[in-house]
Amino acid sequence: MTDDHTPKRILAVGAHPDDIEISCAGTLAKYAQHGVQVSIAVATDGSAGHMIIPAKELAEIRHREAEKAAEIIGADFYWMGYVDEYLFEDIETRLHFVELIRKAKPDVIITHNPEDYHPDHRAVSRLMFDASFVSSLKNVTTESPFHPGVQPLYYFDTITGTSFQPTEYVDVTETIEIKKEMLACHDSQIRWLRDHDNVDLHDMMEILTRARGYQSGVAFAEGFRAEPVWPRLKTYRVLP
């Protein structure tokens, strides 16, 4: 990433609170350190992610947790509020995602792998692919004006790296502690996964980030795959 091609604005979109922190927070922190304006959007309210806390209360908790995590790197934060597990593409939903892009005005977009394990992850991936094309069309109207161009689109790693082969890596050795701090904000999920599923979310994240580091010759890295279609591909690097 050279000075001439350094993006000015980045938009990362996750399906649930904590998806961004697990998969690409180190990269977003690195962007922020370079003076890039980062926007983080969460599509669903995370209300299905517990067996004890009621859905409405859980959604409020997870909203606060996600917002707190975004604040750590000074990111703009967008809470889209779809009900967890009920995200589908229709005209209204597509236009909501178009409006998100037009508000954030990104030069680069980062989101879920289209072949990820979770239906909401797959839905967000498809919505971002579609909306990031449509957002450039002046005759498609939303509250905000059209955002010119079709931005490079990058897919971040799956939660355990399953069925994901990165095409690019970002060295996050210097931002791994920020990534950990951001993930730690999601206390409701960390506790629930530990107590209910015997999953240590911190450990799982660190193992994957270290494994991607081994693959790319650094201590810690995050892996990404570029969407390989015209006109999104560039001859220069846009990841930090």
C-alpha atoms as a PDB file:
ATOM      1  CA  MET A   1       0.000   0.000   0.000  1.00  0.00           C
ATOM      2  CA  THR A   2       1.680   3.216  -1.194  1.00  0.00           C
ATOM      3  CA  ASP A   3       0.819   6.764  -0.223  1.00  0.00           C
ATOM      4  CA  ASP A   4      -0.732   7.384  -3.639  1.00  0.00           C
ATOM      5  CA  HIS A   5      -3.070   4.440  -3.269  1.00  0.00           C
ATOM      6  CA  THR A   6      -3.735   4.490   0.463  1.00  0.00           C
ATOM      7  CA  PRO A   7      -7.504   4.287   0.988  1.00  0.00           C
ATOM      8  CA  LYS A   8      -9.057   7.150   2.882  1.00  0.00           C
ATOM      9  CA  ARG A   9     -12.103   5.274   4.149  1.00  0.00           C
ATOM     10  CA  ILE A  10     -12.709   1.589   4.960  1.00  0.00           C
ATOM     11  CA  LEU A  11     -15.992  -0.169   5.652  1.00  0.00           C
ATOM     12  CA  ALA A  12     -16.033  -3.553   7.431  1.00  0.00           C
ATOM     13  CA  VAL A  13     -19.394  -5.307   7.749  1.00  0.00           C
ATOM     14  CA  GLY A  14     -20.060  -8.284  10.012  1.00  0.00           C
ATOM     15  CA  ALA A  15     -23.236 -10.273  10.418  1.00  0.00           C
ATOM     16  CA  HIS A  16     -23.074 -10.382  14.226  1.00  0.00           C
ATOM     17  CA  PRO A  17     -21.449  -8.462  17.056  1.00  0.00           C
ATOM     18  CA  ASP A  18     -17.922  -9.941  17.473  1.00  0.00           C
ATOM     19  CA  ASP A  19     -17.507 -11.196  13.860  1.00  0.00           C
ATOM     20  CA  ILE A  20     -15.356  -8.194  12.965  1.00  0.00           C
ATOM     21  CA  GLU A  21     -13.218  -8.478  16.092  1.00  0.00           C
ATOM     22  CA  ILE A  22     -12.529 -12.173  15.539  1.00  0.00           C
ATOM     23  CA  SER A  23     -11.679 -11.880  11.861  1.00  0.00           C
ATOM     24  CA  CYS A  24     -10.212  -8.489  10.927  1.00  0.00           C
ATOM     25  CA  ALA A  25      -9.865  -6.136  13.917  1.00  0.00           C
ATOM     26  CA  GLY A  26      -6.071  -6.178  13.700  1.00  0.00           C
ATOM     27  CA  THR A  27      -6.225  -4.954  10.128  1.00  0.00           C
ATOM     28  CA  LEU A  28      -8.765  -2.265  10.978  1.00  0.00           C
ATOM     29  CA  ALA A  29      -6.578  -1.079  13.852  1.00  0.00           C
ATOM     30  CA  LYS A  30      -3.645  -0.895  11.454  1.00  0.00           C
ATOM     31  CA  TYR A  31      -5.694   1.147   8.989  1.00  0.00           C
ATOM     32  CA  ALA A  32      -6.663   3.497  11.819  1.00  0.00           C
ATOM     33  CA  GLN A  33      -3.010   3.937  12.789  1.00  0.00           C
ATOM     34  CA  HIS A  34      -2.319   4.994   9.200  1.00  0.00           C
ATOM     35  CA  GLY A  35      -4.945   7.727   9.467  1.00  0.00           C
ATOM     36  CA  VAL A  36      -7.611   5.880   7.484  1.00  0.00           C
ATOM     37  CA  GLN A  37     -11.193   6.452   8.626  1.00  0.00           C
ATOM     38  CA  VAL A  38     -12.646   3.093   9.602  1.00  0.00           C
ATOM     39  CA  SER A  39     -16.360   2.296   9.654  1.00  0.00           C
ATOM     40  CA  ILE A  40     -17.710  -0.841  11.307  1.00  0.00           C
ATOM     41  CA  ALA A  41     -21.235  -2.083  10.646  1.00  0.00           C
ATOM     42  CA  VAL A  42     -23.069  -4.932  12.376  1.00  0.00           C
ATOM     43  CA  ALA A  43     -26.001  -6.336  10.426  1.00  0.00           C
ATOM     44  CA  THR A  44     -27.944  -8.320  13.040  1.00  0.00           C
ATOM     45  CA  ASP A  45     -28.690  -7.732  16.691  1.00  0.00           C
ATOM     46  CA  GLY A  46     -27.074 -10.939  17.972  1.00  0.00           C
ATOM     47  CA  SER A  47     -30.234 -11.738  19.914  1.00  0.00           C
ATOM     48  CA  ALA A  48     -30.092 -15.498  19.244  1.00  0.00           C
ATOM     49  CA  GLY A  49     -26.631 -15.972  20.742  1.00  0.00           C
ATOM     50  CA  HIS A  50     -27.571 -17.150  24.229  1.00  0.00           C
ATOM     51  CA  MET A  51     -29.718 -19.743  26.007  1.00  0.00           C
ATOM     52  CA  ILE A  52     -30.332 -17.792  29.217  1.00  0.00           C
ATOM     53  CA  ILE A  53     -30.410 -14.049  28.491  1.00  0.00           C
ATOM     54  CA  PRO A  54     -33.703 -13.085  26.768  1.00  0.00           C
ATOM     55  CA  ALA A  55     -33.459 -11.895  23.175  1.00  0.00           C
ATOM     56  CA  LYS A  56     -34.340  -8.225  23.729  1.00  0.00           C
ATOM     57  CA  GLU A  57     -31.955  -7.856  26.655  1.00  0.00           C
ATOM     58  CA  LEU A  58     -29.204  -9.693  24.800  1.00  0.00           C
ATOM     59  CA  ALA A  59     -29.562  -7.453  21.749  1.00  0.00           C
ATOM     60  CA  GLU A  60     -29.114  -4.382  23.952  1.00  0.00           C
ATOM     61  CA  ILE A  61     -26.056  -5.895  25.642  1.00  0.00           C
ATOM     62  CA  ARG A  62     -24.432  -6.879  22.370  1.00  0.00           C
ATOM     63  CA  HIS A  63     -25.130  -3.469  20.854  1.00  0.00           C
ATOM     64  CA  ARG A  64     -23.233  -1.818  23.702  1.00  0.00           C
ATOM     65  CA  GLU A  65     -20.393  -4.338  23.439  1.00  0.00           C
ATOM     66  CA  ALA A  66     -19.952  -3.814  19.693  1.00  0.00           C
ATOM     67  CA  GLU A  67     -20.093  -0.049  19.997  1.00  0.00           C
ATOM     68  CA  LYS A  68     -17.470  -0.121  22.773  1.00  0.00           C
ATOM     69  CA  ALA A  69     -15.159  -2.234  20.599  1.00  0.00           C
ATOM     70  CA  ALA A  70     -15.450   0.178  17.676  1.00  0.00           C
ATOM     71  CA  GLU A  71     -14.628   3.109  19.953  1.00  0.00           C
ATOM     72  CA  ILE A  72     -11.223   1.598  20.766  1.00  0.00           C
ATOM     73  CA  ILE A  73      -9.960   2.426  17.264  1.00  0.00           C
ATOM     74  CA  GLY A  74     -12.142   5.509  16.764  1.00  0.00           C
ATOM     75  CA  ALA A  75     -14.285   3.794  14.137  1.00  0.00           C
ATOM     76  CA  ASP A  76     -17.637   5.080  12.951  1.00  0.00           C
ATOM     77  CA  PHE A  77     -20.230   2.552  14.064  1.00  0.00           C
ATOM     78  CA  TYR A  78     -23.414   1.421  12.306  1.00  0.00           C
ATOM     79  CA  TRP A  79     -25.952  -0.860  13.979  1.00  0.00           C
ATOM     80  CA  MET A  80     -28.307  -2.181  11.286  1.00  0.00           C
ATOM     81  CA  GLY A  81     -30.594  -4.029  13.711  1.00  0.00           C
ATOM     82  CA  TYR A  82     -31.826  -7.030  11.735  1.00  0.00           C
ATOM     83  CA  VAL A  83     -33.077  -9.877  13.907  1.00  0.00           C
ATOM     84  CA  ASP A  84     -30.381 -12.506  14.401  1.00  0.00           C
ATOM     85  CA  GLU A  85     -30.913 -15.559  12.134  1.00  0.00           C
ATOM     86  CA  TYR A  86     -33.528 -13.761  10.000  1.00  0.00           C
ATOM     87  CA  LEU A  87     -31.465 -11.840   7.476  1.00  0.00           C
ATOM     88  CA  PHE A  88     -32.676 -12.273   3.891  1.00  0.00           C
ATOM     89  CA  GLU A  89     -32.239 -10.263   0.731  1.00  0.00           C
ATOM     90  CA  ASP A  90     -35.240  -8.337  -0.563  1.00  0.00           C
ATOM     91  CA  ILE A  91     -35.591  -4.862  -2.064  1.00  0.00           C
ATOM     92  CA  GLU A  92     -35.842  -3.074   1.287  1.00  0.00           C
ATOM     93  CA  THR A  93     -32.838  -4.895   2.732  1.00  0.00           C
ATOM     94  CA  ARG A  94     -30.703  -4.325  -0.344  1.00  0.00           C
ATOM     95  CA  LEU A  95     -31.469  -0.604  -0.255  1.00  0.00           C
ATOM     96  CA  HIS A  96     -30.594  -0.487   3.460  1.00  0.00           C
ATOM     97  CA  PHE A  97     -27.157  -1.888   2.631  1.00  0.00           C
ATOM     98  CA  VAL A  98     -26.852   0.515  -0.300  1.00  0.00           C
ATOM     99  CA  GLU A  99     -27.586   3.389   2.071  1.00  0.00           C
ATOM    100  CA  LEU A 100     -24.963   2.082   4.514  1.00  0.00           C
ATOM    101  CA  ILE A 101     -22.308   2.199   1.792  1.00  0.00           C
ATOM    102  CA  ARG A 102     -23.378   5.644   0.653  1.00  0.00           C
ATOM    103  CA  LYS A 103     -23.117   6.956   4.211  1.00  0.00           C
ATOM    104  CA  ALA A 104     -19.741   5.380   4.913  1.00  0.00           C
ATOM    105  CA  LYS A 105     -18.299   6.268   1.460  1.00  0.00           C
ATOM    106  CA  PRO A 106     -15.625   3.544   1.557  1.00  0.00           C
ATOM    107  CA  ASP A 107     -12.701   3.126  -0.813  1.00  0.00           C
ATOM    108  CA  VAL A 108     -12.415  -0.531   0.249  1.00  0.00           C
ATOM    109  CA  ILE A 109     -15.014  -2.922   1.689  1.00  0.00           C
ATOM    110  CA  ILE A 110     -14.306  -5.935   3.907  1.00  0.00           C
ATOM    111  CA  THR A 111     -16.911  -8.554   4.783  1.00  0.00           C
ATOM    112  CA  HIS A 112     -17.679 -12.258   5.189  1.00  0.00           C
ATOM    113  CA  ASN A 113     -16.575 -15.039   2.903  1.00  0.00           C
ATOM    114  CA  PRO A 114     -19.536 -15.995   0.651  1.00  0.00           C
ATOM    115  CA  GLU A 115     -19.059 -19.687   1.533  1.00  0.00           C
ATOM    116  CA  ASP A 116     -18.878 -19.253   5.312  1.00  0.00           C
ATOM    117  CA  TYR A 117     -20.645 -21.612   7.726  1.00  0.00           C
ATOM    118  CA  HIS A 118     -23.432 -19.351   8.972  1.00  0.00           C
ATOM    119  CA  PRO A 119     -26.514 -18.340   6.928  1.00  0.00           C
ATOM    120  CA  ASP A 120     -26.291 -14.740   8.191  1.00  0.00           C
ATOM    121  CA  HIS A 121     -22.615 -14.583   7.164  1.00  0.00           C
ATOM    122  CA  ARG A 122     -23.487 -15.767   3.673  1.00  0.00           C
ATOM    123  CA  ALA A 123     -26.384 -13.319   3.446  1.00  0.00           C
ATOM    124  CA  VAL A 124     -24.196 -10.359   4.456  1.00  0.00           C
ATOM    125  CA  SER A 125     -21.525 -11.383   1.968  1.00  0.00           C
ATOM    126  CA  ARG A 126     -24.017 -11.482  -0.893  1.00  0.00           C
ATOM    127  CA  LEU A 127     -25.733  -8.275   0.187  1.00  0.00           C
ATOM    128  CA  MET A 128     -22.414  -6.426   0.284  1.00  0.00           C
ATOM    129  CA  PHE A 129     -21.419  -7.709  -3.142  1.00  0.00           C
ATOM    130  CA  ASP A 130     -24.716  -6.591  -4.618  1.00  0.00           C
ATOM    131  CA  ALA A 131     -25.123  -3.342  -2.687  1.00  0.00           C
ATOM    132  CA  SER A 132     -21.584  -2.157  -3.386  1.00  0.00           C
ATOM    133  CA  PHE A 133     -22.349  -2.304  -7.100  1.00  0.00           C
ATOM    134  CA  VAL A 134     -25.800  -0.761  -6.821  1.00  0.00           C
ATOM    135  CA  SER A 135     -24.572   2.061  -4.554  1.00  0.00           C
ATOM    136  CA  SER A 136     -22.734   3.557  -7.543  1.00  0.00           C
ATOM    137  CA  LEU A 137     -25.901   3.905  -9.632  1.00  0.00           C
ATOM    138  CA  LYS A 138     -27.362   7.392  -9.517  1.00  0.00           C
ATOM    139  CA  ASN A 139     -30.819   6.267 -10.607  1.00  0.00           C
ATOM    140  CA  VAL A 140     -31.139   3.957  -7.599  1.00  0.00           C
ATOM    141  CA  THR A 141     -32.288   6.389  -4.939  1.00  0.00           C
ATOM    142  CA  THR A 142     -31.786   6.281  -1.179  1.00  0.00           C
ATOM    143  CA  GLU A 143     -31.540   9.000   1.457  1.00  0.00           C
ATOM    144  CA  SER A 144     -27.847   9.582   0.704  1.00  0.00           C
ATOM    145  CA  PRO A 145     -26.496  10.399  -2.781  1.00  0.00           C
ATOM    146  CA  PHE A 146     -24.841   7.721  -4.886  1.00  0.00           C
ATOM    147  CA  HIS A 147     -21.258   6.718  -4.099  1.00  0.00           C
ATOM    148  CA  PRO A 148     -19.249   6.674  -7.357  1.00  0.00           C
ATOM    149  CA  GLY A 149     -17.260   3.627  -8.416  1.00  0.00           C
ATOM    150  CA  VAL A 150     -17.282  -0.039  -7.513  1.00  0.00           C
ATOM    151  CA  GLN A 151     -14.949  -0.578  -4.584  1.00  0.00           C
ATOM    152  CA  PRO A 152     -12.450  -3.423  -4.110  1.00  0.00           C
ATOM    153  CA  LEU A 153     -14.165  -6.074  -2.007  1.00  0.00           C
ATOM    154  CA  TYR A 154     -12.224  -8.320   0.381  1.00  0.00           C
ATOM    155  CA  TYR A 155     -13.514 -11.330   2.274  1.00  0.00           C
ATOM    156  CA  PHE A 156     -12.092 -11.937   5.734  1.00  0.00           C
ATOM    157  CA  ASP A 157     -11.220 -15.304   7.218  1.00  0.00           C
ATOM    158  CA  THR A 158     -13.724 -17.855   8.451  1.00  0.00           C
ATOM    159  CA  ILE A 159     -13.933 -18.274  12.204  1.00  0.00           C
ATOM    160  CA  THR A 160     -11.502 -21.228  12.347  1.00  0.00           C
ATOM    161  CA  GLY A 161      -9.980 -20.838   8.902  1.00  0.00           C
ATOM    162  CA  THR A 162     -12.062 -23.731   7.572  1.00  0.00           C
ATOM    163  CA  SER A 163     -12.437 -23.804   3.762  1.00  0.00           C
ATOM    164  CA  PHE A 164     -10.664 -20.456   3.385  1.00  0.00           C
ATOM    165  CA  GLN A 165      -7.459 -19.918   1.439  1.00  0.00           C
ATOM    166  CA  PRO A 166      -6.184 -16.336   1.744  1.00  0.00           C
ATOM    167  CA  THR A 167      -4.839 -14.547  -1.307  1.00  0.00           C
ATOM    168  CA  GLU A 168      -3.416 -11.703   0.813  1.00  0.00           C
ATOM    169  CA  TYR A 169      -2.164 -11.383   4.376  1.00  0.00           C
ATOM    170  CA  VAL A 170      -1.888  -8.430   6.724  1.00  0.00           C
ATOM    171  CA  ASP A 171       0.811  -8.428   9.404  1.00  0.00           C
ATOM    172  CA  VAL A 172      -1.054  -7.567  12.616  1.00  0.00           C
ATOM    173  CA  THR A 173       1.800  -8.294  15.014  1.00  0.00           C
ATOM    174  CA  GLU A 174       1.848  -4.671  16.164  1.00  0.00           C
ATOM    175  CA  THR A 175      -1.939  -4.495  16.552  1.00  0.00           C
ATOM    176  CA  ILE A 176      -2.692  -7.933  18.031  1.00  0.00           C
ATOM    177  CA  GLU A 177      -3.116  -6.449  21.522  1.00  0.00           C
ATOM    178  CA  ILE A 178      -5.662  -3.955  20.167  1.00  0.00           C
ATOM    179  CA  LYS A 179      -7.471  -6.847  18.468  1.00  0.00           C
ATOM    180  CA  LYS A 180      -7.561  -8.699  21.801  1.00  0.00           C
ATOM    181  CA  GLU A 181      -8.871  -5.601  23.566  1.00  0.00           C
ATOM    182  CA  MET A 182     -11.629  -5.179  21.009  1.00  0.00           C
ATOM    183  CA  LEU A 183     -12.651  -8.832  21.243  1.00  0.00           C
ATOM    184  CA  ALA A 184     -12.663  -8.622  25.043  1.00  0.00           C
ATOM    185  CA  CYS A 185     -15.511  -6.100  24.805  1.00  0.00           C
ATOM    186  CA  HIS A 186     -17.825  -8.950  23.773  1.00  0.00           C
ATOM    187  CA  ASP A 187     -18.039 -10.357  27.267  1.00  0.00           C
ATOM    188  CA  SER A 188     -21.514 -11.867  26.861  1.00  0.00           C
ATOM    189  CA  GLN A 189     -20.338 -14.153  24.055  1.00  0.00           C
ATOM    190  CA  ILE A 190     -16.962 -14.937  25.599  1.00  0.00           C
ATOM    191  CA  ARG A 191     -18.641 -16.142  28.797  1.00  0.00           C
ATOM    192  CA  TRP A 192     -21.440 -17.992  27.023  1.00  0.00           C
ATOM    193  CA  LEU A 193     -19.207 -19.868  24.582  1.00  0.00           C
ATOM    194  CA  ARG A 194     -16.831 -20.803  27.402  1.00  0.00           C
ATOM    195  CA  ASP A 195     -19.527 -22.036  29.778  1.00  0.00           C
ATOM    196  CA  HIS A 196     -21.957 -23.596  27.285  1.00  0.00           C
ATOM    197  CA  ASP A 197     -19.778 -24.815  24.398  1.00  0.00           C
ATOM    198  CA  ASN A 198     -16.369 -25.138  26.067  1.00  0.00           C
ATOM    199  CA  VAL A 199     -14.967 -22.714  23.469  1.00  0.00           C
ATOM    200  CA  ASP A 200     -12.347 -20.147  24.445  1.00  0.00           C
ATOM    201  CA  LEU A 201     -13.020 -17.335  21.971  1.00  0.00           C
ATOM    202  CA  HIS A 202      -9.756 -15.532  22.764  1.00  0.00           C
ATOM    203  CA  ASP A 203      -7.757 -18.718  22.312  1.00  0.00           C
ATOM    204  CA  MET A 204      -9.524 -19.618  19.067  1.00  0.00           C
ATOM    205  CA  MET A 205      -8.875 -16.162  17.627  1.00  0.00           C
ATOM    206  CA  GLU A 206      -5.231 -16.116  18.706  1.00  0.00           C
ATOM    207  CA  ILE A 207      -4.505 -19.592  17.308  1.00  0.00           C
ATOM    208  CA  LEU A 208      -5.921 -18.677  13.889  1.00  0.00           C
ATOM    209  CA  THR A 209      -4.107 -15.323  13.822  1.00  0.00           C
ATOM    210  CA  ARG A 210      -0.854 -17.021  14.790  1.00  0.00           C
ATOM    211  CA  ALA A 211      -1.395 -19.737  12.150  1.00  0.00           C
ATOM    212  CA  ARG A 212      -1.891 -17.118   9.435  1.00  0.00           C
ATOM    213  CA  GLY A 213       1.267 -15.499  10.752  1.00  0.00           C
ATOM    214  CA  TYR A 214       3.215 -18.723  10.317  1.00  0.00           C
ATOM    215  CA  GLN A 215       1.923 -18.981   6.761  1.00  0.00           C
ATOM    216  CA  SER A 216       3.085 -15.473   5.895  1.00  0.00           C
ATOM    217  CA  GLY A 217       6.320 -15.292   7.887  1.00  0.00           C
ATOM    218  CA  VAL A 218       5.296 -13.017  10.767  1.00  0.00           C
ATOM    219  CA  ALA A 219       4.161 -13.525  14.356  1.00  0.00           C
ATOM    220  CA  PHE A 220       0.465 -12.709  13.763  1.00  0.00           C
ATOM    221  CA  ALA A 221      -1.490 -12.113  10.558  1.00  0.00           C
ATOM    222  CA  GLU A 222      -5.016 -11.914   9.215  1.00  0.00           C
ATOM    223  CA  GLY A 223      -5.937 -13.530   5.923  1.00  0.00           C
ATOM    224  CA  PHE A 224      -8.120 -12.097   3.175  1.00  0.00           C
ATOM    225  CA  ARG A 225      -9.365 -13.037  -0.263  1.00  0.00           C
ATOM    226  CA  ALA A 226     -10.055 -10.456  -2.947  1.00  0.00           C
ATOM    227  CA  GLU A 227     -13.274 -10.686  -4.954  1.00  0.00           C
ATOM    228  CA  PRO A 228     -11.739 -11.447  -8.387  1.00  0.00           C
ATOM    229  CA  VAL A 229     -14.182  -9.724 -10.727  1.00  0.00           C
ATOM    230  CA  TRP A 230     -14.090  -6.624 -12.880  1.00  0.00           C
ATOM    231  CA  PRO A 231     -14.062  -3.750 -12.036  1.00  0.00           C
ATOM    232  CA  ARG A 232     -12.985  -4.425  -8.434  1.00  0.00           C
ATOM    233  CA  LEU A 233      -9.440  -5.670  -9.047  1.00  0.00           C
ATOM    234  CA  LYS A 234      -6.513  -3.233  -8.788  1.00  0.00           C
ATOM    235  CA  THR A 235      -2.871  -3.378  -9.828  1.00  0.00           C
ATOM    236  CA  TYR A 236      -1.804  -2.052  -6.430  1.00  0.00           C
ATOM    237  CA  ARG A 237      -2.300  -3.193  -2.838  1.00  0.00           C
ATOM    238  CA  VAL A 238      -5.027  -1.574  -0.787  1.00  0.00           C
ATOM    239  CA  LEU A 239      -4.688  -3.633   2.397  1.00  0.00           C
ATOM    240  CA  PRO A 240      -2.245  -2.171   4.970  1.00  0.00           C
END
